[in-house]
Amino acid sequence: MSRYSLLSSISNRATGIVLTCGQLLLVYWLIAAASGAQAYARAAAVLASPALKAVYAVLLAAFAYHLAAGIRHLVWDTGHGLARDQSRRSAGWVITIAVLLAAALIVWMVLGGASAP
């Protein structure tokens, strides 16, 4: 296994862990939504804090990388792209796609596309 594949695999696992930890925010929001208007209003105020917006940006970047790397693994499951040079090239594509997707999602978040109605 090449160094690029190894680093890509470790990064994929790390982003999976980050996304799993990020689900705690989703659970908090769902519990607040199920607990009534006051609990939801408190949670909405907490979840809209600037510090958590930075956390959301990290989660979006982790999602973008994990998605791109997951698609790469699906291609590998078909038996394609396993040669060393193909693996190195696909690692570059994963990073490129992840950066572009993360940038687009973060811009969308910052510009208000992700705001609640």
N, C-alpha and C. Protein backbone atom coordinates (compact mmCIF):
# COMPACT_ATOMS: atom_id res chain seq x y z
N MET A 1 0.86 -1.18 0.00
CA MET A 1 0.00 0.00 0.00
C MET A 1 0.90 1.23 0.00
N SER A 2 0.61 2.15 -0.87
CA SER A 2 1.44 3.35 -0.97
C SER A 2 1.18 4.30 0.19
N ARG A 3 2.13 5.19 0.39
CA ARG A 3 2.01 6.19 1.45
C ARG A 3 0.74 7.03 1.26
N TYR A 4 0.43 7.36 0.00
CA TYR A 4 -0.75 8.17 -0.29
C TYR A 4 -2.02 7.44 0.10
N SER A 5 -2.08 6.16 -0.23
CA SER A 5 -3.26 5.38 0.13
C SER A 5 -3.38 5.24 1.64
N LEU A 6 -2.26 5.05 2.29
CA LEU A 6 -2.27 4.91 3.74
C LEU A 6 -2.77 6.19 4.41
N LEU A 7 -2.23 7.33 4.01
CA LEU A 7 -2.67 8.61 4.58
C LEU A 7 -4.13 8.89 4.26
N SER A 8 -4.54 8.54 3.04
CA SER A 8 -5.93 8.74 2.66
C SER A 8 -6.86 7.88 3.50
N SER A 9 -6.46 6.64 3.74
CA SER A 9 -7.28 5.73 4.55
C SER A 9 -7.38 6.21 5.99
N ILE A 10 -6.27 6.64 6.55
CA ILE A 10 -6.28 7.16 7.92
C ILE A 10 -7.15 8.41 8.01
N SER A 11 -7.03 9.28 7.02
CA SER A 11 -7.84 10.51 7.00
C SER A 11 -9.32 10.19 6.88
N ASN A 12 -9.64 9.17 6.09
CA ASN A 12 -11.04 8.77 5.95
C ASN A 12 -11.60 8.29 7.28
N ARG A 13 -10.82 7.52 8.00
CA ARG A 13 -11.27 7.03 9.31
C ARG A 13 -11.39 8.18 10.30
N ALA A 14 -10.43 9.10 10.27
CA ALA A 14 -10.47 10.25 11.19
C ALA A 14 -11.69 11.12 10.92
N THR A 15 -12.00 11.36 9.65
CA THR A 15 -13.18 12.17 9.35
C THR A 15 -14.46 11.44 9.75
N GLY A 16 -14.45 10.13 9.67
CA GLY A 16 -15.60 9.37 10.15
C GLY A 16 -15.82 9.54 11.64
N ILE A 17 -14.72 9.58 12.39
CA ILE A 17 -14.81 9.80 13.84
C ILE A 17 -15.32 11.21 14.13
N VAL A 18 -14.80 12.20 13.39
CA VAL A 18 -15.25 13.59 13.57
C VAL A 18 -16.75 13.69 13.29
N LEU A 19 -17.21 13.05 12.23
CA LEU A 19 -18.65 13.10 11.89
C LEU A 19 -19.50 12.40 12.95
N THR A 20 -18.99 11.32 13.48
CA THR A 20 -19.71 10.62 14.54
C THR A 20 -19.86 11.51 15.77
N CYS A 21 -18.78 12.18 16.15
CA CYS A 21 -18.85 13.11 17.29
C CYS A 21 -19.80 14.27 16.99
N GLY A 22 -19.80 14.73 15.76
CA GLY A 22 -20.68 15.83 15.36
C GLY A 22 -22.15 15.49 15.44
N GLN A 23 -22.45 14.20 15.39
CA GLN A 23 -23.85 13.79 15.49
C GLN A 23 -24.45 14.11 16.85
N LEU A 24 -23.61 14.34 17.84
CA LEU A 24 -24.13 14.74 19.15
C LEU A 24 -24.89 16.06 19.05
N LEU A 25 -24.45 16.96 18.18
CA LEU A 25 -25.17 18.22 17.97
C LEU A 25 -26.55 17.95 17.36
N LEU A 26 -26.60 17.02 16.42
CA LEU A 26 -27.88 16.66 15.80
C LEU A 26 -28.82 16.06 16.84
N VAL A 27 -28.31 15.18 17.68
CA VAL A 27 -29.12 14.55 18.73
C VAL A 27 -29.64 15.61 19.70
N TYR A 28 -28.77 16.54 20.07
CA TYR A 28 -29.19 17.64 20.96
C TYR A 28 -30.33 18.43 20.34
N TRP A 29 -30.19 18.75 19.06
CA TRP A 29 -31.23 19.52 18.36
C TRP A 29 -32.54 18.73 18.29
N LEU A 30 -32.47 17.45 17.98
CA LEU A 30 -33.67 16.62 17.89
C LEU A 30 -34.37 16.48 19.24
N ILE A 31 -33.60 16.29 20.30
CA ILE A 31 -34.19 16.19 21.64
C ILE A 31 -34.86 17.51 22.01
N ALA A 32 -34.19 18.62 21.70
CA ALA A 32 -34.78 19.93 21.99
C ALA A 32 -36.06 20.14 21.20
N ALA A 33 -36.07 19.73 19.95
CA ALA A 33 -37.27 19.88 19.12
C ALA A 33 -38.43 19.05 19.66
N ALA A 34 -38.11 17.90 20.23
CA ALA A 34 -39.15 17.03 20.77
C ALA A 34 -39.58 17.45 22.18
N SER A 35 -38.83 18.36 22.81
CA SER A 35 -39.10 18.74 24.19
C SER A 35 -39.93 19.99 24.34
N GLY A 36 -40.34 20.59 23.26
CA GLY A 36 -41.20 21.75 23.36
C GLY A 36 -40.55 23.03 22.86
N ALA A 37 -41.37 24.07 22.81
CA ALA A 37 -40.95 25.35 22.22
C ALA A 37 -39.83 26.01 23.00
N GLN A 38 -39.91 25.98 24.33
CA GLN A 38 -38.87 26.64 25.13
C GLN A 38 -37.52 25.94 24.96
N ALA A 39 -37.53 24.63 25.03
CA ALA A 39 -36.28 23.88 24.86
C ALA A 39 -35.71 24.09 23.47
N TYR A 40 -36.59 24.13 22.48
CA TYR A 40 -36.13 24.35 21.11
C TYR A 40 -35.54 25.75 20.94
N ALA A 41 -36.16 26.75 21.54
CA ALA A 41 -35.65 28.13 21.44
C ALA A 41 -34.27 28.23 22.09
N ARG A 42 -34.10 27.58 23.27
CA ARG A 42 -32.79 27.58 23.93
C ARG A 42 -31.74 26.89 23.06
N ALA A 43 -32.11 25.76 22.51
CA ALA A 43 -31.17 25.01 21.66
C ALA A 43 -30.83 25.80 20.40
N ALA A 44 -31.83 26.45 19.82
CA ALA A 44 -31.57 27.25 18.61
C ALA A 44 -30.58 28.36 18.90
N ALA A 45 -30.69 28.98 20.07
CA ALA A 45 -29.76 30.04 20.44
C ALA A 45 -28.35 29.48 20.63
N VAL A 46 -28.24 28.34 21.28
CA VAL A 46 -26.93 27.72 21.50
C VAL A 46 -26.32 27.28 20.17
N LEU A 47 -27.12 26.63 19.34
CA LEU A 47 -26.61 26.09 18.07
C LEU A 47 -26.29 27.17 17.04
N ALA A 48 -26.75 28.39 17.26
CA ALA A 48 -26.46 29.49 16.34
C ALA A 48 -25.24 30.30 16.77
N SER A 49 -24.57 29.88 17.83
CA SER A 49 -23.42 30.64 18.33
C SER A 49 -22.27 30.62 17.32
N PRO A 50 -21.48 31.69 17.29
CA PRO A 50 -20.35 31.75 16.35
C PRO A 50 -19.34 30.61 16.55
N ALA A 51 -19.13 30.19 17.78
CA ALA A 51 -18.19 29.09 18.02
C ALA A 51 -18.67 27.80 17.35
N LEU A 52 -19.97 27.55 17.44
CA LEU A 52 -20.49 26.34 16.81
C LEU A 52 -20.51 26.46 15.29
N LYS A 53 -20.58 27.67 14.77
CA LYS A 53 -20.50 27.82 13.31
C LYS A 53 -19.13 27.38 12.81
N ALA A 54 -18.09 27.61 13.60
CA ALA A 54 -16.76 27.12 13.25
C ALA A 54 -16.74 25.58 13.30
N VAL A 55 -17.43 25.02 14.28
CA VAL A 55 -17.54 23.56 14.36
C VAL A 55 -18.27 23.02 13.15
N TYR A 56 -19.33 23.71 12.71
CA TYR A 56 -20.07 23.28 11.52
C TYR A 56 -19.18 23.30 10.28
N ALA A 57 -18.30 24.30 10.19
CA ALA A 57 -17.38 24.36 9.05
C ALA A 57 -16.44 23.14 9.06
N VAL A 58 -15.96 22.77 10.24
CA VAL A 58 -15.10 21.58 10.35
C VAL A 58 -15.89 20.33 9.97
N LEU A 59 -17.13 20.25 10.43
CA LEU A 59 -17.97 19.09 10.10
C LEU A 59 -18.25 19.02 8.61
N LEU A 60 -18.46 20.16 7.97
CA LEU A 60 -18.68 20.17 6.52
C LEU A 60 -17.44 19.71 5.76
N ALA A 61 -16.28 20.15 6.22
CA ALA A 61 -15.03 19.72 5.59
C ALA A 61 -14.82 18.21 5.79
N ALA A 62 -15.11 17.72 6.98
CA ALA A 62 -14.99 16.29 7.25
C ALA A 62 -15.97 15.49 6.40
N PHE A 63 -17.19 16.01 6.26
CA PHE A 63 -18.18 15.35 5.41
C PHE A 63 -17.71 15.29 3.97
N ALA A 64 -17.18 16.39 3.46
CA ALA A 64 -16.74 16.44 2.07
C ALA A 64 -15.63 15.41 1.83
N TYR A 65 -14.66 15.36 2.72
CA TYR A 65 -13.56 14.40 2.55
C TYR A 65 -14.06 12.96 2.67
N HIS A 66 -14.89 12.72 3.67
CA HIS A 66 -15.39 11.36 3.89
C HIS A 66 -16.23 10.88 2.71
N LEU A 67 -17.00 11.78 2.13
CA LEU A 67 -17.81 11.43 0.96
C LEU A 67 -16.92 11.09 -0.22
N ALA A 68 -15.95 11.94 -0.52
CA ALA A 68 -15.06 11.70 -1.66
C ALA A 68 -14.26 10.42 -1.47
N ALA A 69 -13.74 10.21 -0.27
CA ALA A 69 -12.97 8.99 0.00
C ALA A 69 -13.86 7.75 -0.04
N GLY A 70 -15.10 7.90 0.40
CA GLY A 70 -16.03 6.77 0.34
C GLY A 70 -16.35 6.36 -1.08
N ILE A 71 -16.49 7.34 -1.96
CA ILE A 71 -16.73 7.03 -3.38
C ILE A 71 -15.50 6.34 -3.96
N ARG A 72 -14.31 6.79 -3.57
CA ARG A 72 -13.08 6.14 -4.02
C ARG A 72 -13.06 4.68 -3.58
N HIS A 73 -13.46 4.41 -2.35
CA HIS A 73 -13.49 3.03 -1.86
C HIS A 73 -14.53 2.21 -2.62
N LEU A 74 -15.64 2.81 -2.98
CA LEU A 74 -16.63 2.08 -3.77
C LEU A 74 -16.06 1.70 -5.14
N VAL A 75 -15.29 2.60 -5.73
CA VAL A 75 -14.64 2.28 -7.01
C VAL A 75 -13.64 1.14 -6.80
N TRP A 76 -12.88 1.20 -5.71
CA TRP A 76 -11.93 0.13 -5.43
C TRP A 76 -12.64 -1.21 -5.26
N ASP A 77 -13.85 -1.19 -4.69
CA ASP A 77 -14.60 -2.43 -4.50
C ASP A 77 -14.97 -3.10 -5.82
N THR A 78 -14.95 -2.32 -6.89
CA THR A 78 -15.22 -2.91 -8.21
C THR A 78 -13.97 -3.50 -8.82
N GLY A 79 -12.82 -3.31 -8.16
CA GLY A 79 -11.55 -3.83 -8.66
C GLY A 79 -10.80 -2.85 -9.54
N HIS A 80 -11.26 -1.62 -9.62
CA HIS A 80 -10.61 -0.61 -10.46
C HIS A 80 -9.79 0.35 -9.60
N GLY A 81 -8.72 0.89 -10.17
CA GLY A 81 -7.93 1.93 -9.52
C GLY A 81 -7.03 1.44 -8.40
N LEU A 82 -6.70 0.17 -8.40
CA LEU A 82 -5.91 -0.38 -7.31
C LEU A 82 -4.40 -0.33 -7.55
N ALA A 83 -3.99 -0.07 -8.77
CA ALA A 83 -2.55 0.03 -9.07
C ALA A 83 -1.96 1.23 -8.34
N ARG A 84 -0.67 1.17 -8.05
CA ARG A 84 -0.01 2.21 -7.26
C ARG A 84 -0.19 3.60 -7.87
N ASP A 85 0.05 3.74 -9.17
CA ASP A 85 -0.08 5.07 -9.79
C ASP A 85 -1.53 5.54 -9.80
N GLN A 86 -2.46 4.62 -10.00
CA GLN A 86 -3.88 4.98 -9.97
C GLN A 86 -4.30 5.39 -8.55
N SER A 87 -3.77 4.68 -7.56
CA SER A 87 -4.09 5.00 -6.17
C SER A 87 -3.57 6.37 -5.80
N ARG A 88 -2.37 6.69 -6.22
CA ARG A 88 -1.79 8.01 -5.94
C ARG A 88 -2.60 9.11 -6.62
N ARG A 89 -2.98 8.88 -7.86
CA ARG A 89 -3.78 9.86 -8.60
C ARG A 89 -5.16 10.04 -7.96
N SER A 90 -5.77 8.95 -7.56
CA SER A 90 -7.11 9.06 -6.96
C SER A 90 -7.04 9.74 -5.58
N ALA A 91 -5.92 9.59 -4.87
CA ALA A 91 -5.76 10.30 -3.59
C ALA A 91 -5.76 11.80 -3.84
N GLY A 92 -5.09 12.23 -4.89
CA GLY A 92 -5.11 13.64 -5.26
C GLY A 92 -6.49 14.12 -5.63
N TRP A 93 -7.22 13.27 -6.35
CA TRP A 93 -8.59 13.64 -6.72
C TRP A 93 -9.49 13.75 -5.49
N VAL A 94 -9.31 12.86 -4.55
CA VAL A 94 -10.11 12.90 -3.32
C VAL A 94 -9.88 14.23 -2.61
N ILE A 95 -8.63 14.63 -2.48
CA ILE A 95 -8.32 15.89 -1.80
C ILE A 95 -8.89 17.07 -2.56
N THR A 96 -8.72 17.08 -3.87
CA THR A 96 -9.23 18.18 -4.70
C THR A 96 -10.74 18.30 -4.60
N ILE A 97 -11.42 17.20 -4.77
CA ILE A 97 -12.89 17.20 -4.70
C ILE A 97 -13.37 17.60 -3.31
N ALA A 98 -12.70 17.09 -2.28
CA ALA A 98 -13.10 17.42 -0.91
C ALA A 98 -12.93 18.90 -0.63
N VAL A 99 -11.83 19.49 -1.07
CA VAL A 99 -11.60 20.92 -0.84
C VAL A 99 -12.65 21.76 -1.57
N LEU A 100 -12.92 21.41 -2.82
CA LEU A 100 -13.92 22.17 -3.59
C LEU A 100 -15.32 22.04 -2.99
N LEU A 101 -15.70 20.82 -2.63
CA LEU A 101 -17.02 20.60 -2.04
C LEU A 101 -17.13 21.28 -0.68
N ALA A 102 -16.09 21.17 0.15
CA ALA A 102 -16.11 21.82 1.46
C ALA A 102 -16.22 23.33 1.31
N ALA A 103 -15.47 23.89 0.38
CA ALA A 103 -15.52 25.34 0.15
C ALA A 103 -16.92 25.77 -0.28
N ALA A 104 -17.52 25.02 -1.19
CA ALA A 104 -18.87 25.36 -1.65
C ALA A 104 -19.88 25.26 -0.50
N LEU A 105 -19.78 24.22 0.32
CA LEU A 105 -20.72 24.05 1.43
C LEU A 105 -20.53 25.14 2.49
N ILE A 106 -19.29 25.49 2.77
CA ILE A 106 -19.03 26.52 3.78
C ILE A 106 -19.50 27.88 3.29
N VAL A 107 -19.27 28.18 2.02
CA VAL A 107 -19.77 29.44 1.46
C VAL A 107 -21.29 29.47 1.55
N TRP A 108 -21.93 28.36 1.22
CA TRP A 108 -23.39 28.27 1.30
C TRP A 108 -23.86 28.51 2.73
N MET A 109 -23.15 27.94 3.71
CA MET A 109 -23.51 28.11 5.11
C MET A 109 -23.33 29.57 5.53
N VAL A 110 -22.21 30.18 5.16
CA VAL A 110 -21.92 31.55 5.57
C VAL A 110 -22.89 32.54 4.94
N LEU A 111 -23.27 32.30 3.69
CA LEU A 111 -24.16 33.22 3.00
C LEU A 111 -25.63 33.06 3.40
N GLY A 112 -25.91 32.12 4.28
CA GLY A 112 -27.26 31.98 4.79
C GLY A 112 -28.12 30.95 4.10
N GLY A 113 -27.55 30.18 3.20
CA GLY A 113 -28.32 29.13 2.54
C GLY A 113 -28.74 28.04 3.49
N ALA A 114 -28.07 27.95 4.61
CA ALA A 114 -28.37 26.90 5.58
C ALA A 114 -29.15 27.41 6.77
N SER A 115 -29.71 28.59 6.67
CA SER A 115 -30.44 29.14 7.82
C SER A 115 -31.82 28.52 7.92
N ALA A 116 -32.32 28.47 9.13
CA ALA A 116 -33.63 27.89 9.38
C ALA A 116 -34.72 28.86 8.92
N PRO A 117 -35.86 28.35 8.52
CA PRO A 117 -36.95 29.24 8.07
C PRO A 117 -37.52 30.06 9.20
